[in-house]
Every structure is written in structure tokens, then in C-alpha cells.
C-alpha atoms as a PDB file:
ATOM      1  CA  MET A   1      66.164 169.090 129.449  1.00  0.00           C
ATOM      2  CA  THR A   2      65.692 169.940 125.754  1.00  0.00           C
ATOM      3  CA  GLY A   3      67.868 167.022 124.635  1.00  0.00           C
ATOM      4  CA  GLU A   4      65.799 164.603 126.672  1.00  0.00           C
ATOM      5  CA  LEU A   5      62.618 165.991 125.122  1.00  0.00           C
ATOM      6  CA  ILE A   6      63.960 165.679 121.549  1.00  0.00           C
ATOM      7  CA  SER A   7      65.164 162.106 122.192  1.00  0.00           C
ATOM      8  CA  SER A   8      61.768 161.211 123.811  1.00  0.00           C
ATOM      9  CA  ILE A   9      59.893 162.547 120.786  1.00  0.00           C
ATOM     10  CA  LEU A  10      62.110 160.554 118.446  1.00  0.00           C
ATOM     11  CA  VAL A  11      61.633 157.375 120.455  1.00  0.00           C
ATOM     12  CA  VAL A  12      57.844 157.803 120.523  1.00  0.00           C
ATOM     13  CA  MET A  13      57.794 158.570 116.781  1.00  0.00           C
ATOM     14  CA  GLY A  14      59.897 155.501 116.086  1.00  0.00           C
ATOM     15  CA  ALA A  15      57.612 153.276 118.183  1.00  0.00           C
ATOM     16  CA  VAL A  16      54.565 154.657 116.361  1.00  0.00           C
ATOM     17  CA  PHE A  17      56.102 154.025 112.922  1.00  0.00           C
ATOM     18  CA  CYS A  18      57.146 150.459 113.970  1.00  0.00           C
ATOM     19  CA  GLY A  19      53.604 149.857 115.157  1.00  0.00           C
ATOM     20  CA  LEU A  20      52.241 151.166 111.859  1.00  0.00           C
ATOM     21  CA  SER A  21      54.665 148.922 110.009  1.00  0.00           C
ATOM     22  CA  ALA A  22      53.481 145.880 111.928  1.00  0.00           C
ATOM     23  CA  PHE A  23      49.877 146.866 111.213  1.00  0.00           C
ATOM     24  CA  GLY A  24      50.730 147.169 107.480  1.00  0.00           C
ATOM     25  CA  LEU A  25      52.322 143.705 107.494  1.00  0.00           C
ATOM     26  CA  VAL A  26      49.093 142.225 108.720  1.00  0.00           C
ATOM     27  CA  ARG A  27      46.615 144.282 106.766  1.00  0.00           C
ATOM     28  CA  LEU A  28      48.121 144.776 103.284  1.00  0.00           C
ATOM     29  CA  PRO A  29      46.981 142.327 100.535  1.00  0.00           C
ATOM     30  CA  ASP A  30      50.087 141.062  98.802  1.00  0.00           C
ATOM     31  CA  VAL A  31      53.758 140.417  99.337  1.00  0.00           C
ATOM     32  CA  TYR A  32      54.893 143.502  97.471  1.00  0.00           C
ATOM     33  CA  LEU A  33      52.847 145.946  99.543  1.00  0.00           C
ATOM     34  CA  ARG A  34      53.868 144.120 102.751  1.00  0.00           C
ATOM     35  CA  SER A  35      57.491 144.444 101.752  1.00  0.00           C
ATOM     36  CA  HIS A  36      56.967 148.173 101.220  1.00  0.00           C
ATOM     37  CA  ALA A  37      55.485 148.482 104.709  1.00  0.00           C
ATOM     38  CA  ALA A  38      58.242 146.497 106.262  1.00  0.00           C
ATOM     39  CA  THR A  39      61.061 148.392 104.612  1.00  0.00           C
ATOM     40  CA  LYS A  40      59.891 151.981 104.523  1.00  0.00           C
ATOM     41  CA  SER A  41      58.111 152.505 107.858  1.00  0.00           C
ATOM     42  CA  ALA A  42      60.031 149.987 109.891  1.00  0.00           C
ATOM     43  CA  THR A  43      63.362 151.422 108.709  1.00  0.00           C
ATOM     44  CA  PHE A  44      62.223 154.933 109.555  1.00  0.00           C
ATOM     45  CA  GLY A  45      60.933 153.705 112.954  1.00  0.00           C
ATOM     46  CA  VAL A  46      64.105 151.889 113.893  1.00  0.00           C
ATOM     47  CA  LEU A  47      66.195 154.860 112.755  1.00  0.00           C
ATOM     48  CA  CYS A  48      64.136 157.150 114.949  1.00  0.00           C
ATOM     49  CA  LEU A  49      64.488 154.808 117.904  1.00  0.00           C
ATOM     50  CA  LEU A  50      68.231 154.534 117.459  1.00  0.00           C
ATOM     51  CA  THR A  51      68.661 158.246 116.864  1.00  0.00           C
ATOM     52  CA  GLY A  52      66.619 159.021 119.977  1.00  0.00           C
ATOM     53  CA  GLY A  53      68.851 156.692 122.018  1.00  0.00           C
ATOM     54  CA  PHE A  54      71.964 158.243 120.525  1.00  0.00           C
ATOM     55  CA  LEU A  55      70.808 161.791 121.303  1.00  0.00           C
ATOM     56  CA  TYR A  56      69.767 160.748 124.820  1.00  0.00           C
ATOM     57  CA  PHE A  57      73.246 159.509 125.689  1.00  0.00           C
ATOM     58  CA  TRP A  58      74.888 162.409 123.916  1.00  0.00           C
ATOM     59  CA  PHE A  59      72.935 165.018 125.870  1.00  0.00           C
ATOM     60  CA  LYS A  60      72.741 163.129 129.194  1.00  0.00           C
ATOM     61  CA  ASP A  61      76.342 161.845 129.455  1.00  0.00           C
ATOM     62  CA  GLY A  62      78.127 163.914 126.823  1.00  0.00           C
ATOM     63  CA  THR A  63      79.384 160.691 125.110  1.00  0.00           C
ATOM     64  CA  VAL A  64      79.130 159.699 121.523  1.00  0.00           C
ATOM     65  CA  ASN A  65      78.068 156.059 121.238  1.00  0.00           C
ATOM     66  CA  VAL A  66      79.781 154.671 118.169  1.00  0.00           C
ATOM     67  CA  LYS A  67      77.798 151.383 118.323  1.00  0.00           C
ATOM     68  CA  LEU A  68      74.551 153.306 117.933  1.00  0.00           C
ATOM     69  CA  LEU A  69      75.978 155.301 114.972  1.00  0.00           C
ATOM     70  CA  LEU A  70      77.103 152.056 113.287  1.00  0.00           C
ATOM     71  CA  ALA A  71      73.714 150.478 113.889  1.00  0.00           C
ATOM     72  CA  ILE A  72      71.998 153.534 112.333  1.00  0.00           C
ATOM     73  CA  VAL A  73      74.247 153.306 109.208  1.00  0.00           C
ATOM     74  CA  PHE A  74      73.814 149.535 109.015  1.00  0.00           C
ATOM     75  CA  VAL A  75      69.981 149.663 109.184  1.00  0.00           C
ATOM     76  CA  PHE A  76      69.838 152.626 106.755  1.00  0.00           C
ATOM     77  CA  ILE A  77      71.849 150.687 104.158  1.00  0.00           C
ATOM     78  CA  THR A  78      70.691 147.102 104.524  1.00  0.00           C
ATOM     79  CA  SER A  79      66.972 147.275 105.199  1.00  0.00           C
ATOM     80  CA  PRO A  80      65.896 148.962 101.913  1.00  0.00           C
ATOM     81  CA  VAL A  81      68.232 146.708  99.917  1.00  0.00           C
ATOM     82  CA  ALA A  82      66.851 143.566 101.625  1.00  0.00           C
ATOM     83  CA  GLY A  83      63.244 144.713 100.928  1.00  0.00           C
ATOM     84  CA  HIS A  84      64.064 145.349  97.259  1.00  0.00           C
ATOM     85  CA  LEU A  85      65.729 141.958  96.887  1.00  0.00           C
ATOM     86  CA  ASN A  86      62.789 140.161  98.568  1.00  0.00           C
ATOM     87  CA  GLY A  87      60.349 141.929  96.189  1.00  0.00           C
ATOM     88  CA  ARG A  88      62.462 141.032  93.163  1.00  0.00           C
ATOM     89  CA  ALA A  89      62.766 137.418  94.259  1.00  0.00           C
ATOM     90  CA  ALA A  90      58.999 137.201  94.835  1.00  0.00           C
ATOM     91  CA  TYR A  91      58.338 138.606  91.362  1.00  0.00           C
ATOM     92  CA  ARG A  92      60.866 136.328  89.663  1.00  0.00           C
ATOM     93  CA  SER A  93      59.367 133.317  91.422  1.00  0.00           C
ATOM     94  CA  GLY A  94      55.885 134.185  90.105  1.00  0.00           C
ATOM     95  CA  VAL A  95      54.049 135.566  93.099  1.00  0.00           C
ATOM     96  CA  PRO A  96      51.064 137.268  91.634  1.00  0.00           C
ATOM     97  CA  LEU A  97      50.389 140.955  92.093  1.00  0.00           C
ATOM     98  CA  TRP A  98      47.336 142.120  94.042  1.00  0.00           C
ATOM     99  CA  LYS A  99      44.274 142.327  91.764  1.00  0.00           C
ATOM    100  CA  GLY A 100      43.968 146.039  92.578  1.00  0.00           C
ATOM    101  CA  SER A 101      47.461 146.783  91.356  1.00  0.00           C
ATOM    102  CA  VAL A 102      47.455 149.250  88.462  1.00  0.00           C
ATOM    103  CA  GLN A 103      51.074 149.162  87.252  1.00  0.00           C
ATOM    104  CA  ASP A 104      53.602 146.378  86.703  1.00  0.00           C
ATOM    105  CA  ASP A 105      56.964 147.935  85.824  1.00  0.00           C
ATOM    106  CA  LEU A 106      58.817 144.708  85.690  1.00  0.00           C
ATOM    107  CA  LYS A 107      56.491 142.983  83.175  1.00  0.00           C
ATOM    108  CA  VAL A 108      58.157 144.843  80.271  1.00  0.00           C
ATOM    109  CA  LEU A 109      61.616 143.728  81.427  1.00  0.00           C
ATOM    110  CA  GLY A 110      60.493 140.130  81.866  1.00  0.00           C
ATOM    111  CA  GLU A 111      59.031 140.094  78.264  1.00  0.00           C
ATOM    112  CA  GLU A 112      62.299 141.589  76.837  1.00  0.00           C
ATOM    113  CA  SER A 113      64.489 139.032  78.560  1.00  0.00           C
ATOM    114  CA  LYS A 114      62.313 136.212  77.255  1.00  0.00           C
ATOM    115  CA  GLU A 115      62.603 137.487  73.705  1.00  0.00           C
ATOM    116  CA  THR A 116      66.372 137.819  73.919  1.00  0.00           C
ATOM    117  CA  SER A 117      66.766 134.321  75.275  1.00  0.00           C
ATOM    118  CA  LYS A 118      64.924 132.699  72.370  1.00  0.00           C
END
């Protein structure tokens, strides 16, 4: 009974975070903030969903589902890396920052690389 409650809470939390992530993808102003919404909250949401499913089968049947464990590890590793690479590719291809952005950490690195290539 307790295991089903914990897994249900995790599944609902995961669904809420995935919904917030989808809302962020629609509402946020530029590609960098959208990438942040997609990677952070969607990763957490999917991890909560998968963990809830894993715990449900563990408590209900007493079995450990290796496929769910591998999916959790795979999502945990690949999603943030893909979001980082998408943001870096957007920056290098010249996609402008949102006008309300207050900090550009990569601008200094871009200027240094231009000076060394001269």
C-alpha cells in the first residue's frame, strides 16, 4: 500500500514537471531559455515517471525491472548533455540572446578565440 502511494506520487510529480516543461517551451522567449526548460524540468519529470514505474513493479511484484533502471540512467546522462550541446550550437551559429538577458558567459570565450585565430 505504501509503495503504491509513493510510486503514484512520483508519477503525478513527473507528469506535473513534464507539463511545466511543455509550458516553458511555449512561453519562454529565446532558444536558450527553452533549452533550459526542456532539459531541466523534462529530465526531472521523466526520471520521476520512470522511478515511479520502477517502484510500482518492485513493490507490487517484487521484481526489479532492469529496462527501467537502464532507461533512468540513459535519460539522466543524455538529456542534459543534449541540451548543453543544442545551446552551444545555437550560440555558435549566431542565435541572439533574449534582450532581457543580463549575462553572456560565452562572449568572452568567443572574443579570445577570435584574437588567437588572427
